[in-house]
N, C-alpha and C. Protein backbone atom coordinates (compact mmCIF):
# COMPACT_ATOMS: atom_id res chain seq x y z
N UNK A 1 -7.11 9.77 7.62
CA UNK A 1 -8.48 9.48 8.26
C UNK A 1 -9.38 9.03 7.17
N UNK A 2 -9.60 9.77 6.11
CA UNK A 2 -10.63 9.37 5.16
C UNK A 2 -10.12 8.14 4.41
N UNK A 3 -8.87 7.93 4.14
CA UNK A 3 -8.41 6.84 3.48
C UNK A 3 -8.60 5.53 4.29
N UNK A 4 -8.45 5.67 5.63
CA UNK A 4 -8.58 4.47 6.55
C UNK A 4 -10.00 3.98 6.52
N UNK A 5 -11.01 4.88 6.56
CA UNK A 5 -12.43 4.50 6.63
C UNK A 5 -12.76 3.88 5.29
N UNK A 6 -12.25 4.42 4.21
CA UNK A 6 -12.46 3.96 2.85
C UNK A 6 -11.90 2.58 2.72
N UNK A 7 -10.79 2.32 3.17
CA UNK A 7 -10.06 1.01 3.21
C UNK A 7 -10.95 -0.05 3.90
N UNK A 8 -11.45 0.26 5.05
CA UNK A 8 -12.26 -0.64 5.84
C UNK A 8 -13.56 -0.96 5.04
N UNK A 9 -14.22 0.10 4.60
CA UNK A 9 -15.50 -0.06 3.92
C UNK A 9 -15.36 -0.95 2.66
N UNK A 10 -14.31 -0.72 1.89
CA UNK A 10 -14.07 -1.54 0.65
C UNK A 10 -13.81 -2.95 0.96
N UNK A 11 -13.28 -3.27 2.14
CA UNK A 11 -13.04 -4.70 2.43
C UNK A 11 -14.29 -5.36 3.09
N UNK A 12 -15.30 -4.56 3.45
CA UNK A 12 -16.50 -5.11 4.00
C UNK A 12 -17.56 -5.42 2.98
N UNK A 13 -17.55 -4.76 1.87
CA UNK A 13 -18.61 -4.85 0.91
C UNK A 13 -18.42 -5.83 -0.22
N UNK A 14 -19.45 -6.11 -0.98
CA UNK A 14 -19.35 -6.99 -2.24
C UNK A 14 -19.00 -6.14 -3.44
N UNK A 15 -19.32 -4.84 -3.42
CA UNK A 15 -19.08 -3.94 -4.54
C UNK A 15 -18.15 -2.89 -4.10
N UNK A 16 -16.82 -3.16 -3.98
CA UNK A 16 -15.86 -2.12 -3.50
C UNK A 16 -15.73 -0.99 -4.44
N UNK A 17 -16.02 -1.17 -5.73
CA UNK A 17 -15.82 -0.10 -6.67
C UNK A 17 -16.96 1.00 -6.47
N UNK A 18 -18.06 0.69 -5.79
CA UNK A 18 -19.10 1.67 -5.56
C UNK A 18 -19.05 2.33 -4.20
N UNK A 19 -17.93 2.22 -3.43
CA UNK A 19 -17.73 2.87 -2.20
C UNK A 19 -17.37 4.29 -2.46
N UNK A 20 -18.06 5.17 -1.84
CA UNK A 20 -17.79 6.65 -2.06
C UNK A 20 -17.82 7.33 -0.73
N UNK A 21 -16.71 7.86 -0.39
CA UNK A 21 -16.51 8.58 0.90
C UNK A 21 -16.22 10.05 0.62
N UNK A 22 -17.12 10.89 1.14
CA UNK A 22 -17.03 12.31 0.86
C UNK A 22 -16.82 13.09 2.18
N UNK A 23 -15.85 14.00 2.15
CA UNK A 23 -15.52 14.71 3.30
C UNK A 23 -16.20 16.09 3.21
N UNK A 24 -17.11 16.41 4.12
CA UNK A 24 -17.86 17.63 4.10
C UNK A 24 -16.94 18.74 4.68
N UNK A 25 -17.43 19.95 4.48
CA UNK A 25 -16.72 21.11 4.94
C UNK A 25 -16.40 21.03 6.48
N UNK A 26 -15.13 21.09 6.85
CA UNK A 26 -14.89 21.00 8.31
C UNK A 26 -15.20 22.37 8.99
N UNK A 27 -15.74 22.18 10.16
CA UNK A 27 -16.06 23.35 10.99
C UNK A 27 -15.28 23.20 12.29
N UNK A 28 -14.58 24.25 12.64
CA UNK A 28 -13.78 24.32 13.86
C UNK A 28 -13.55 22.95 14.52
N UNK A 29 -12.47 22.29 14.00
CA UNK A 29 -11.99 21.03 14.48
C UNK A 29 -12.96 19.86 14.42
N UNK A 30 -14.01 19.98 13.46
CA UNK A 30 -14.90 18.94 13.27
C UNK A 30 -14.99 18.53 11.85
N UNK A 31 -14.78 17.22 11.57
CA UNK A 31 -14.76 16.75 10.25
C UNK A 31 -15.91 15.79 10.10
N UNK A 32 -16.73 15.88 9.00
CA UNK A 32 -17.89 15.02 8.77
C UNK A 32 -17.59 14.25 7.53
N UNK A 33 -17.56 12.90 7.61
CA UNK A 33 -17.38 12.01 6.50
C UNK A 33 -18.68 11.26 6.17
N UNK A 34 -19.05 11.40 4.95
CA UNK A 34 -20.32 10.76 4.42
C UNK A 34 -19.96 9.52 3.64
N UNK A 35 -20.39 8.36 4.07
CA UNK A 35 -20.04 7.10 3.42
C UNK A 35 -21.27 6.66 2.61
N UNK A 36 -21.10 6.43 1.29
CA UNK A 36 -22.21 5.88 0.52
C UNK A 36 -21.68 4.65 -0.19
N UNK A 37 -22.53 3.59 -0.10
CA UNK A 37 -22.17 2.31 -0.67
C UNK A 37 -23.37 1.76 -1.59
N UNK A 38 -23.11 0.69 -2.26
CA UNK A 38 -24.16 0.03 -3.07
C UNK A 38 -25.33 -0.27 -2.12
N UNK A 39 -26.60 -0.13 -2.62
CA UNK A 39 -27.78 -0.51 -1.72
C UNK A 39 -27.74 -1.84 -1.17
N UNK A 40 -27.17 -2.85 -1.85
CA UNK A 40 -27.09 -4.24 -1.28
C UNK A 40 -26.03 -4.31 -0.14
N UNK A 41 -25.09 -3.44 -0.06
CA UNK A 41 -24.05 -3.47 0.97
C UNK A 41 -24.27 -2.60 2.18
N UNK A 42 -25.40 -1.90 2.25
CA UNK A 42 -25.59 -1.04 3.36
C UNK A 42 -25.66 -1.86 4.67
N UNK A 43 -26.31 -2.95 4.59
CA UNK A 43 -26.40 -3.80 5.82
C UNK A 43 -25.10 -4.36 6.27
N UNK A 44 -24.17 -4.63 5.36
CA UNK A 44 -22.83 -5.03 5.71
C UNK A 44 -21.97 -4.01 6.41
N UNK A 45 -22.17 -2.74 5.98
CA UNK A 45 -21.43 -1.64 6.59
C UNK A 45 -21.99 -1.29 7.96
N UNK A 46 -23.34 -1.42 8.09
CA UNK A 46 -23.95 -1.15 9.37
C UNK A 46 -23.74 -2.29 10.31
N UNK A 47 -23.88 -3.56 9.95
CA UNK A 47 -23.72 -4.69 10.71
C UNK A 47 -24.88 -5.00 11.61
N UNK A 48 -24.83 -6.12 12.36
CA UNK A 48 -25.93 -6.43 13.28
C UNK A 48 -25.99 -5.48 14.40
N UNK A 49 -27.19 -5.00 14.60
CA UNK A 49 -27.52 -3.94 15.62
C UNK A 49 -26.58 -2.78 15.53
N UNK A 50 -25.96 -2.48 14.34
CA UNK A 50 -25.12 -1.29 14.20
C UNK A 50 -23.74 -1.46 14.80
N UNK A 51 -23.35 -2.67 15.07
CA UNK A 51 -21.99 -2.93 15.69
C UNK A 51 -20.87 -2.51 14.77
N UNK A 52 -20.91 -2.89 13.48
CA UNK A 52 -19.79 -2.60 12.62
C UNK A 52 -19.66 -1.10 12.38
N UNK A 53 -20.84 -0.39 12.28
CA UNK A 53 -20.81 1.05 12.11
C UNK A 53 -20.28 1.68 13.35
N UNK A 54 -20.67 1.19 14.51
CA UNK A 54 -20.15 1.74 15.73
C UNK A 54 -18.63 1.51 15.89
N UNK A 55 -18.19 0.39 15.47
CA UNK A 55 -16.68 0.09 15.51
C UNK A 55 -15.94 1.03 14.62
N UNK A 56 -16.45 1.28 13.42
CA UNK A 56 -15.83 2.28 12.51
C UNK A 56 -15.86 3.63 13.09
N UNK A 57 -16.90 4.04 13.73
CA UNK A 57 -17.01 5.35 14.38
C UNK A 57 -16.02 5.47 15.47
N UNK A 58 -15.82 4.41 16.23
CA UNK A 58 -14.89 4.43 17.36
C UNK A 58 -13.42 4.60 16.83
N UNK A 59 -13.14 3.88 15.80
CA UNK A 59 -11.78 3.96 15.20
C UNK A 59 -11.55 5.36 14.70
N UNK A 60 -12.54 5.91 14.00
CA UNK A 60 -12.46 7.25 13.45
C UNK A 60 -12.27 8.30 14.50
N UNK A 61 -12.95 8.10 15.62
CA UNK A 61 -12.86 9.01 16.77
C UNK A 61 -11.43 9.02 17.28
N UNK A 62 -10.87 7.78 17.44
CA UNK A 62 -9.50 7.67 17.96
C UNK A 62 -8.47 8.32 17.01
N UNK A 63 -8.68 8.10 15.72
CA UNK A 63 -7.67 8.77 14.82
C UNK A 63 -7.84 10.24 14.80
N UNK A 64 -9.10 10.78 14.84
CA UNK A 64 -9.26 12.20 14.91
C UNK A 64 -8.69 12.83 16.13
N UNK A 65 -8.89 12.13 17.27
CA UNK A 65 -8.44 12.74 18.54
C UNK A 65 -6.91 12.82 18.49
N UNK A 66 -6.26 11.90 17.86
CA UNK A 66 -4.81 11.98 17.73
C UNK A 66 -4.35 13.20 17.03
N UNK A 67 -5.15 13.68 16.01
CA UNK A 67 -4.93 14.89 15.33
C UNK A 67 -5.55 16.11 15.86
N UNK A 68 -6.14 15.99 17.09
CA UNK A 68 -6.76 17.15 17.72
C UNK A 68 -7.99 17.64 17.12
N UNK A 69 -8.76 16.66 16.41
CA UNK A 69 -10.01 16.97 15.78
C UNK A 69 -11.18 16.15 16.36
N UNK A 70 -12.27 16.40 15.85
CA UNK A 70 -13.50 15.63 16.16
C UNK A 70 -14.07 15.13 14.82
N UNK A 71 -14.42 13.86 14.70
CA UNK A 71 -14.85 13.34 13.44
C UNK A 71 -16.25 12.58 13.61
N UNK A 72 -17.07 12.75 12.58
CA UNK A 72 -18.37 12.13 12.59
C UNK A 72 -18.56 11.36 11.30
N UNK A 73 -18.98 10.09 11.36
CA UNK A 73 -19.24 9.24 10.19
C UNK A 73 -20.73 9.14 10.02
N UNK A 74 -21.15 9.51 8.71
CA UNK A 74 -22.52 9.35 8.35
C UNK A 74 -22.60 8.30 7.32
N UNK A 75 -23.46 7.33 7.41
CA UNK A 75 -23.67 6.35 6.46
C UNK A 75 -25.01 6.60 5.75
N UNK A 76 -24.88 6.97 4.39
CA UNK A 76 -26.01 7.37 3.58
C UNK A 76 -26.61 6.11 2.88
N UNK A 77 -27.99 6.18 2.77
CA UNK A 77 -28.69 5.13 2.11
C UNK A 77 -28.67 5.33 0.63
């Protein structure tokens, strides 16, 4: 799950070496992933009107549901 989102993010940005994905403490079937990218790349990860971020969240939700979990993606500034 974490590797998949990291893979997508690294291919969207201009500075893939500065992509940092942190998994926060899971609480009863809920996983929170915090994505941090270079300040110039935040717009590329979010996309126009948040569509790219929403697509990433949709994919993450589908993967988590397969594993019987709930996942949340936070994009940090």
